[in-house]
Every structure is written in structure tokens, then in C-alpha cells.
N, C-alpha and C. Protein backbone atom coordinates (compact mmCIF):
# COMPACT_ATOMS: atom_id res chain seq x y z
N MET A 1 -29.46 -54.75 24.41
CA MET A 1 -28.03 -55.70 24.58
C MET A 1 -27.74 -56.45 23.34
N SER A 2 -29.60 -56.69 24.03
CA SER A 2 -30.21 -58.17 22.78
C SER A 2 -29.96 -57.82 21.17
N LYS A 3 -30.65 -56.50 20.76
CA LYS A 3 -30.59 -56.04 19.44
C LYS A 3 -29.17 -55.50 19.45
N ILE A 4 -27.87 -55.05 19.78
CA ILE A 4 -26.64 -55.13 19.87
C ILE A 4 -26.16 -56.59 19.20
N LEU A 5 -26.03 -57.31 20.02
CA LEU A 5 -25.37 -58.79 20.16
C LEU A 5 -25.85 -59.38 18.63
N ALA A 6 -27.18 -59.82 18.84
CA ALA A 6 -27.99 -60.01 17.45
C ALA A 6 -27.36 -58.77 15.80
N ASP A 7 -26.90 -57.98 16.06
CA ASP A 7 -26.58 -56.93 15.11
C ASP A 7 -24.81 -57.50 14.83
N MET A 8 -24.41 -57.94 15.36
CA MET A 8 -23.13 -58.26 16.08
C MET A 8 -22.56 -59.66 15.11
N THR A 9 -23.75 -60.91 15.59
CA THR A 9 -23.62 -61.98 15.00
C THR A 9 -23.47 -61.82 13.36
N MET A 10 -24.78 -60.93 13.05
CA MET A 10 -24.65 -60.89 11.73
C MET A 10 -23.63 -60.30 10.96
N ALA A 11 -23.06 -59.10 11.34
CA ALA A 11 -21.66 -58.99 11.47
C ALA A 11 -20.56 -60.26 10.96
N ASP A 12 -20.95 -60.86 12.03
CA ASP A 12 -19.46 -61.70 12.14
C ASP A 12 -20.07 -63.24 10.98
N ALA A 13 -20.93 -63.42 11.76
CA ALA A 13 -21.31 -64.59 9.70
C ALA A 13 -21.86 -63.66 8.65
N TYR A 14 -21.68 -62.31 8.59
CA TYR A 14 -21.58 -61.40 6.70
C TYR A 14 -19.72 -61.81 6.70
N GLY A 15 -19.13 -61.22 8.08
CA GLY A 15 -17.59 -61.29 7.75
C GLY A 15 -17.17 -62.72 7.05
N ASN A 16 -17.40 -63.57 7.73
CA ASN A 16 -17.21 -65.17 6.93
C ASN A 16 -18.01 -65.57 5.62
N GLU A 17 -18.79 -65.15 5.19
CA GLU A 17 -19.46 -65.12 4.09
C GLU A 17 -18.39 -64.52 2.91
N VAL A 18 -18.30 -63.42 3.38
CA VAL A 18 -17.28 -62.57 2.37
C VAL A 18 -16.04 -62.80 2.45
N SER A 19 -15.47 -63.41 3.40
CA SER A 19 -14.25 -63.91 3.78
C SER A 19 -14.13 -65.52 2.68
N ALA A 20 -15.74 -66.19 2.73
CA ALA A 20 -15.17 -67.38 1.54
C ALA A 20 -15.76 -66.69 0.76
N MET A 21 -16.48 -66.22 -0.15
CA MET A 21 -16.60 -65.06 -1.09
C MET A 21 -15.32 -64.93 -1.99
N THR A 22 -14.60 -64.21 -1.11
CA THR A 22 -13.39 -63.58 -1.96
C THR A 22 -12.17 -64.33 -2.09
N ALA A 23 -11.42 -64.00 -2.32
CA ALA A 23 -9.87 -64.39 -1.98
C ALA A 23 -9.77 -64.49 -0.28
N PRO A 24 -8.80 -65.93 -0.36
CA PRO A 24 -8.88 -66.30 0.53
C PRO A 24 -7.92 -65.47 1.57
N MET A 25 -8.23 -65.29 2.94
CA MET A 25 -7.85 -63.75 3.98
C MET A 25 -7.61 -64.63 4.93
N PRO A 26 -6.15 -63.85 5.44
CA PRO A 26 -6.17 -64.50 6.75
C PRO A 26 -6.97 -64.03 7.62
N ASP A 27 -7.38 -64.66 8.72
CA ASP A 27 -8.41 -64.89 9.61
C ASP A 27 -8.31 -63.63 10.60
N SER A 28 -6.63 -63.19 10.82
CA SER A 28 -6.66 -61.65 11.79
C SER A 28 -7.35 -60.55 10.88
N VAL A 29 -6.93 -60.39 9.41
CA VAL A 29 -7.06 -59.44 8.41
C VAL A 29 -8.99 -59.76 8.60
N ARG A 30 -9.58 -60.53 8.56
CA ARG A 30 -11.31 -60.78 8.73
C ARG A 30 -11.77 -59.94 10.04
N GLN A 31 -10.83 -60.93 11.24
CA GLN A 31 -11.35 -60.86 12.27
C GLN A 31 -10.85 -58.74 12.29
N GLU A 32 -9.94 -58.04 11.95
CA GLU A 32 -9.90 -56.75 11.76
C GLU A 32 -11.03 -56.04 11.35
N LYS A 33 -11.81 -56.65 9.78
CA LYS A 33 -13.00 -56.22 9.49
C LYS A 33 -14.23 -55.83 10.24
N VAL A 34 -13.97 -57.13 10.59
CA VAL A 34 -15.64 -57.41 11.50
C VAL A 34 -15.69 -56.57 13.17
N LYS A 35 -13.99 -56.67 13.59
CA LYS A 35 -14.00 -55.03 14.78
C LYS A 35 -14.47 -53.60 13.72
N ILE A 36 -14.69 -53.41 12.46
CA ILE A 36 -14.80 -52.47 12.28
C ILE A 36 -16.36 -52.54 12.10
N TYR A 37 -16.91 -53.16 11.48
CA TYR A 37 -18.54 -53.61 12.24
C TYR A 37 -19.36 -53.28 13.36
N TYR A 38 -18.15 -54.26 14.18
CA TYR A 38 -18.80 -53.91 15.89
C TYR A 38 -19.02 -52.41 15.70
N LYS A 39 -17.43 -51.75 15.50
CA LYS A 39 -17.84 -50.41 16.01
C LYS A 39 -19.24 -49.39 15.24
N GLN A 40 -19.01 -49.82 13.84
CA GLN A 40 -19.91 -49.22 13.44
C GLN A 40 -21.32 -49.37 14.17
N ILE A 41 -21.75 -51.12 14.44
CA ILE A 41 -23.15 -51.19 14.84
C ILE A 41 -22.99 -50.36 16.34
N LEU A 42 -22.09 -50.39 17.15
CA LEU A 42 -22.43 -49.80 18.29
C LEU A 42 -22.68 -47.77 18.18
N ASP A 43 -21.70 -48.08 16.55
CA ASP A 43 -22.00 -45.91 16.76
C ASP A 43 -23.97 -46.05 16.55
N LEU A 44 -24.07 -47.25 15.93
CA LEU A 44 -25.48 -47.34 15.64
C LEU A 44 -26.29 -46.83 16.44
N HIS A 45 -25.68 -47.75 17.98
CA HIS A 45 -27.18 -47.92 18.77
C HIS A 45 -26.56 -46.77 20.01
N LYS A 46 -25.33 -45.92 19.42
CA LYS A 46 -25.32 -44.83 20.58
C LYS A 46 -25.16 -45.15 21.44
N VAL A 47 -23.75 -46.52 21.44
CA VAL A 47 -23.62 -47.02 22.95
C VAL A 47 -21.89 -47.06 22.57
N SER A 48 -21.12 -46.70 23.75
CA SER A 48 -19.82 -46.47 23.67
C SER A 48 -19.33 -47.66 23.84
N VAL A 49 -18.34 -47.96 23.10
CA VAL A 49 -17.08 -49.18 23.55
C VAL A 49 -17.21 -50.02 25.25
N LYS A 50 -16.59 -48.41 25.65
CA LYS A 50 -16.48 -49.03 27.18
C LYS A 50 -18.15 -49.05 27.94
N ASP A 51 -18.97 -48.27 27.58
CA ASP A 51 -20.08 -48.58 27.94
C ASP A 51 -20.60 -50.04 27.71
N PHE A 52 -20.30 -50.45 26.18
CA PHE A 52 -20.38 -51.70 25.57
C PHE A 52 -20.23 -53.13 26.98
N MET A 53 -19.00 -52.96 27.17
CA MET A 53 -17.97 -53.88 27.87
C MET A 53 -18.58 -54.03 29.21
N ALA A 54 -18.90 -53.12 29.41
CA ALA A 54 -19.41 -52.92 30.71
C ALA A 54 -20.16 -53.28 31.33
N SER A 55 -21.37 -53.23 29.96
CA SER A 55 -22.74 -53.90 30.43
C SER A 55 -22.65 -55.59 29.89
N TYR A 56 -21.80 -55.60 28.58
CA TYR A 56 -21.41 -57.48 28.50
C TYR A 56 -20.70 -58.25 29.54
N ASN A 57 -19.55 -57.19 30.44
CA ASN A 57 -18.59 -57.73 32.30
C ASN A 57 -20.22 -57.90 33.15
N TRP A 58 -21.52 -57.23 33.14
CA TRP A 58 -22.32 -57.24 34.05
C TRP A 58 -23.35 -58.62 33.39
N TYR A 59 -23.43 -58.70 32.47
CA TYR A 59 -24.10 -60.02 31.75
C TYR A 59 -23.53 -60.93 32.31
N GLU A 60 -22.12 -61.09 31.73
CA GLU A 60 -21.23 -62.14 32.02
C GLU A 60 -21.45 -62.75 33.61
N SER A 61 -21.64 -61.59 34.82
CA SER A 61 -21.59 -61.81 35.66
C SER A 61 -22.60 -62.50 36.42
N HIS A 62 -23.63 -62.07 35.44
CA HIS A 62 -25.28 -62.93 35.89
C HIS A 62 -25.59 -64.03 34.62
N PRO A 63 -25.26 -64.93 34.55
CA PRO A 63 -25.57 -66.33 33.92
C PRO A 63 -27.02 -66.01 33.30
N ASP A 64 -27.66 -65.81 34.10
CA ASP A 64 -29.45 -66.36 33.88
C ASP A 64 -30.06 -65.31 33.52
N ARG A 65 -29.43 -63.96 33.09
CA ARG A 65 -29.60 -62.89 32.59
C ARG A 65 -29.20 -63.01 31.50
N MET A 66 -27.63 -63.62 30.95
CA MET A 66 -27.27 -63.91 30.07
C MET A 66 -27.93 -64.75 29.05
N LYS A 67 -28.17 -65.20 30.03
CA LYS A 67 -29.40 -66.63 28.69
C LYS A 67 -30.45 -66.53 28.47
N GLU A 68 -31.43 -64.81 29.14
CA GLU A 68 -32.30 -64.37 28.21
C GLU A 68 -31.98 -63.45 27.57
N VAL A 69 -31.18 -62.92 27.78
CA VAL A 69 -30.41 -62.23 26.14
C VAL A 69 -29.90 -62.87 25.17
N PHE A 70 -29.46 -63.87 25.47
CA PHE A 70 -29.09 -64.75 23.82
C PHE A 70 -30.60 -65.42 23.63
N GLU A 71 -31.00 -65.44 24.51
CA GLU A 71 -32.60 -66.16 23.80
C GLU A 71 -33.35 -64.88 23.10
N LYS A 72 -33.24 -63.98 23.22
CA LYS A 72 -33.61 -63.18 22.60
C LYS A 72 -33.03 -63.04 21.29
N VAL A 73 -31.43 -63.01 21.52
CA VAL A 73 -30.83 -62.75 20.23
C VAL A 73 -31.25 -63.68 19.35
N GLN A 74 -31.72 -64.94 19.77
CA GLN A 74 -31.84 -66.29 18.59
C GLN A 74 -32.95 -66.00 18.17
N ALA A 75 -33.80 -65.79 18.79
CA ALA A 75 -35.57 -65.00 18.35
C ALA A 75 -35.14 -64.21 17.38
N ASP A 76 -34.72 -63.33 17.54
CA ASP A 76 -34.43 -62.15 16.48
C ASP A 76 -33.54 -62.44 15.47
N ILE A 77 -32.51 -63.12 15.31
CA ILE A 77 -32.02 -63.97 14.21
C ILE A 77 -33.00 -64.86 13.46
N ALA A 78 -33.79 -65.72 13.83
CA ALA A 78 -34.71 -66.52 13.61
C ALA A 78 -35.40 -65.47 12.62
N ASN A 79 -36.56 -64.18 13.51
CA ASN A 79 -37.10 -63.44 12.46
C ASN A 79 -36.44 -62.64 11.52
N ARG A 80 -35.58 -62.44 11.71
CA ARG A 80 -35.24 -61.96 10.29
C ARG A 80 -34.69 -63.24 9.33
N LYS A 81 -34.36 -64.20 9.82
CA LYS A 81 -34.39 -65.21 8.66
C LYS A 81 -35.75 -65.25 8.01
N ASN A 82 -36.27 -65.97 8.52
CA ASN A 82 -38.18 -65.93 8.21
C ASN A 82 -38.38 -65.06 7.39
N LYS A 83 -38.48 -63.66 7.50
CA LYS A 83 -38.38 -61.93 7.23
C LYS A 83 -37.90 -62.88 5.14
N LEU A 84 -36.69 -62.95 5.52
CA LEU A 84 -36.13 -63.21 3.79
C LEU A 84 -36.83 -64.49 3.49
N GLY A 85 -37.06 -65.40 3.58
CA GLY A 85 -37.95 -66.60 2.97
C GLY A 85 -36.59 -67.26 2.12
N ASN A 86 -37.78 -68.97 1.60
CA ASN A 86 -36.75 -69.52 1.40
C ASN A 86 -36.31 -69.11 0.20
N PRO A 87 -34.96 -69.23 0.04
CA PRO A 87 -33.99 -68.77 -0.97
C PRO A 87 -34.51 -69.39 -2.29
N VAL A 88 -34.87 -70.36 -2.58
CA VAL A 88 -35.58 -70.68 -3.93
C VAL A 88 -37.47 -70.70 -3.97
N ASP A 89 -37.77 -70.20 -3.36
CA ASP A 89 -39.43 -69.42 -3.23
C ASP A 89 -39.11 -68.42 -4.44
N GLU A 90 -40.64 -68.88 -5.63
CA GLU A 90 -40.26 -67.93 -6.68
C GLU A 90 -40.44 -66.31 -6.57
N ASN A 91 -41.14 -65.89 -4.93
CA ASN A 91 -41.25 -64.85 -4.10
C ASN A 91 -39.83 -63.98 -4.01
N ALA A 92 -39.38 -64.81 -3.87
CA ALA A 92 -37.21 -64.40 -2.94
C ALA A 92 -37.15 -63.67 -3.84
N PRO A 93 -36.17 -62.59 -3.38
CA PRO A 93 -35.33 -61.70 -4.10
C PRO A 93 -34.87 -62.19 -5.33
N VAL A 94 -34.40 -61.68 -6.73
CA VAL A 94 -33.52 -62.45 -7.67
C VAL A 94 -32.75 -63.12 -6.85
N MET A 95 -31.36 -61.82 -6.53
CA MET A 95 -30.34 -62.73 -6.29
C MET A 95 -30.10 -63.89 -5.52
N PHE A 96 -31.41 -64.68 -4.25
CA PHE A 96 -32.01 -65.39 -3.57
C PHE A 96 -31.86 -66.86 -4.37
N ARG A 97 -32.24 -66.76 -5.20
CA ARG A 97 -33.14 -67.35 -6.12
C ARG A 97 -32.02 -68.10 -7.06
N LEU A 98 -30.63 -67.25 -7.31
CA LEU A 98 -30.17 -67.44 -8.76
C LEU A 98 -28.62 -68.35 -7.70
N LYS A 99 -29.14 -67.59 -6.46
CA LYS A 99 -27.61 -68.31 -6.19
C LYS A 99 -27.13 -69.78 -6.30
N GLY A 100 -28.54 -70.50 -6.12
CA GLY A 100 -28.14 -71.89 -6.62
C GLY A 100 -27.40 -72.24 -7.54
N LEU A 101 -27.51 -71.87 -8.78
CA LEU A 101 -27.19 -71.91 -10.00
C LEU A 101 -25.77 -71.04 -10.23
N PHE A 102 -25.99 -69.27 -9.32
CA PHE A 102 -24.46 -68.56 -9.87
C PHE A 102 -23.96 -68.18 -8.31
N PRO A 103 -22.95 -68.73 -7.69
CA PRO A 103 -23.22 -68.64 -6.28
C PRO A 103 -22.70 -67.22 -6.02
N TYR A 104 -22.56 -66.40 -6.98
CA TYR A 104 -22.10 -65.58 -7.24
C TYR A 104 -22.94 -64.12 -7.75
N ALA A 105 -23.94 -64.44 -7.80
CA ALA A 105 -25.01 -63.44 -7.89
C ALA A 105 -25.38 -62.38 -7.59
N ASP A 106 -24.66 -62.20 -6.21
CA ASP A 106 -25.67 -61.20 -5.58
C ASP A 106 -24.21 -60.11 -5.67
N LYS A 107 -23.62 -60.34 -6.51
CA LYS A 107 -22.49 -59.01 -7.25
C LYS A 107 -22.88 -58.88 -8.76
N ALA A 108 -24.21 -59.50 -9.31
CA ALA A 108 -24.30 -59.11 -10.72
C ALA A 108 -25.32 -57.92 -10.43
N ILE A 109 -25.32 -57.44 -11.64
CA ILE A 109 -26.50 -56.03 -11.42
C ILE A 109 -27.13 -56.61 -12.58
N LEU A 110 -28.39 -56.23 -12.19
CA LEU A 110 -29.65 -56.72 -13.14
C LEU A 110 -30.24 -55.67 -13.33
N LEU A 111 -30.56 -55.19 -14.20
CA LEU A 111 -31.33 -53.93 -15.21
C LEU A 111 -32.70 -54.41 -15.67
N HIS A 112 -33.85 -53.03 -15.29
CA HIS A 112 -34.82 -53.82 -15.96
C HIS A 112 -35.23 -53.47 -17.51
N THR A 113 -34.11 -52.67 -17.68
CA THR A 113 -34.45 -52.50 -19.53
C THR A 113 -32.66 -52.77 -19.93
N SER A 114 -32.53 -53.03 -20.82
CA SER A 114 -31.23 -52.95 -21.15
C SER A 114 -30.99 -52.17 -22.57
N ASP A 115 -29.68 -51.93 -23.25
CA ASP A 115 -29.52 -51.28 -24.46
C ASP A 115 -28.40 -52.40 -25.01
N THR A 116 -28.51 -54.20 -24.50
CA THR A 116 -27.71 -54.53 -25.34
C THR A 116 -28.55 -55.08 -26.43
N VAL A 117 -29.57 -55.25 -27.15
CA VAL A 117 -30.13 -55.12 -28.35
C VAL A 117 -29.43 -54.24 -29.40
N ARG A 118 -29.47 -53.30 -28.88
CA ARG A 118 -28.81 -52.53 -29.99
C ARG A 118 -27.72 -51.67 -28.91
N PRO A 119 -26.75 -52.16 -29.11
CA PRO A 119 -25.46 -51.29 -28.55
C PRO A 119 -25.05 -49.94 -29.03
N PHE A 120 -24.23 -48.97 -28.34
CA PHE A 120 -23.70 -48.21 -28.89
C PHE A 120 -24.64 -46.99 -29.35
N ILE A 121 -26.36 -47.23 -29.65
CA ILE A 121 -26.79 -46.73 -29.86
C ILE A 121 -27.99 -46.16 -29.14
N LYS A 122 -28.19 -44.53 -28.78
CA LYS A 122 -28.63 -43.86 -27.86
C LYS A 122 -29.69 -44.28 -28.20
N ARG A 123 -30.33 -44.08 -26.71
CA ARG A 123 -31.85 -44.39 -27.04
C ARG A 123 -32.66 -43.35 -26.77
N GLN A 124 -33.70 -42.77 -27.08
CA GLN A 124 -34.74 -41.90 -27.99
C GLN A 124 -35.69 -42.08 -26.26
N PRO A 125 -35.82 -40.98 -26.14
CA PRO A 125 -36.77 -40.65 -25.26
C PRO A 125 -38.22 -41.29 -25.72
């Protein structure tokens, strides 16, 4: 359950980030997109919506167990965040380092080689 809820938390954060970076969209549209992510997460974990809801309802009726699950979720998300490293760290992926200067850097395509020096000339093998 904690793995599923951690993935759902990430999907919800992603849905908020995408809606903030693109043209403003109504919250109802964002929620529909997040529901699609939730369904994909359940499919990934091979859990039906019915089984997930039954399990979630059980945890809701046992708050001490629910607290343990959410502590695991927080630990999992903190672990994922630590693996990413500091966005301004020189060893971080380029899109994270550029995000401070270029907020939409994750949409840029960076190539190791470029033909911009000699445009329209076929590169020789």
C-alpha cells in the first residue's frame, strides 16, 4: 500500500507541476488527468480499483496502521528526493541545473553532437 500511495503522491505533484508550467487549466481537467495517472499506477502494481479502495477503507478504519503507511510513504518520497540530488549540484542532470536559469529546460532537447555549424550539409560518416 505504501508503494502505491507514494506513486500516487508523485503523480499528484506531477499533475500540479504540469498544470503550472503549461497554459492554465481548470482544476477539474487536472483532476481528470491525475485520475488517469492513478489508474496507470494501479495497473502497474496489478491492483484493481475495487481492491485498492477496500484496502484504503480498511486502513482508514485503523488509524494507527494508516499512520505507519504514511510514514513509509514520506520515507520513500524523501529517499527518491535524495537520489535526485541538489538541482544546482554540478553532478545533477542538465535539465535540473538549467531549471534555475530556464524554467522550461526540461522541454529542451540537448544533443551531444550538432549540425548547426554546417546547416543543410549531410554529415560524412
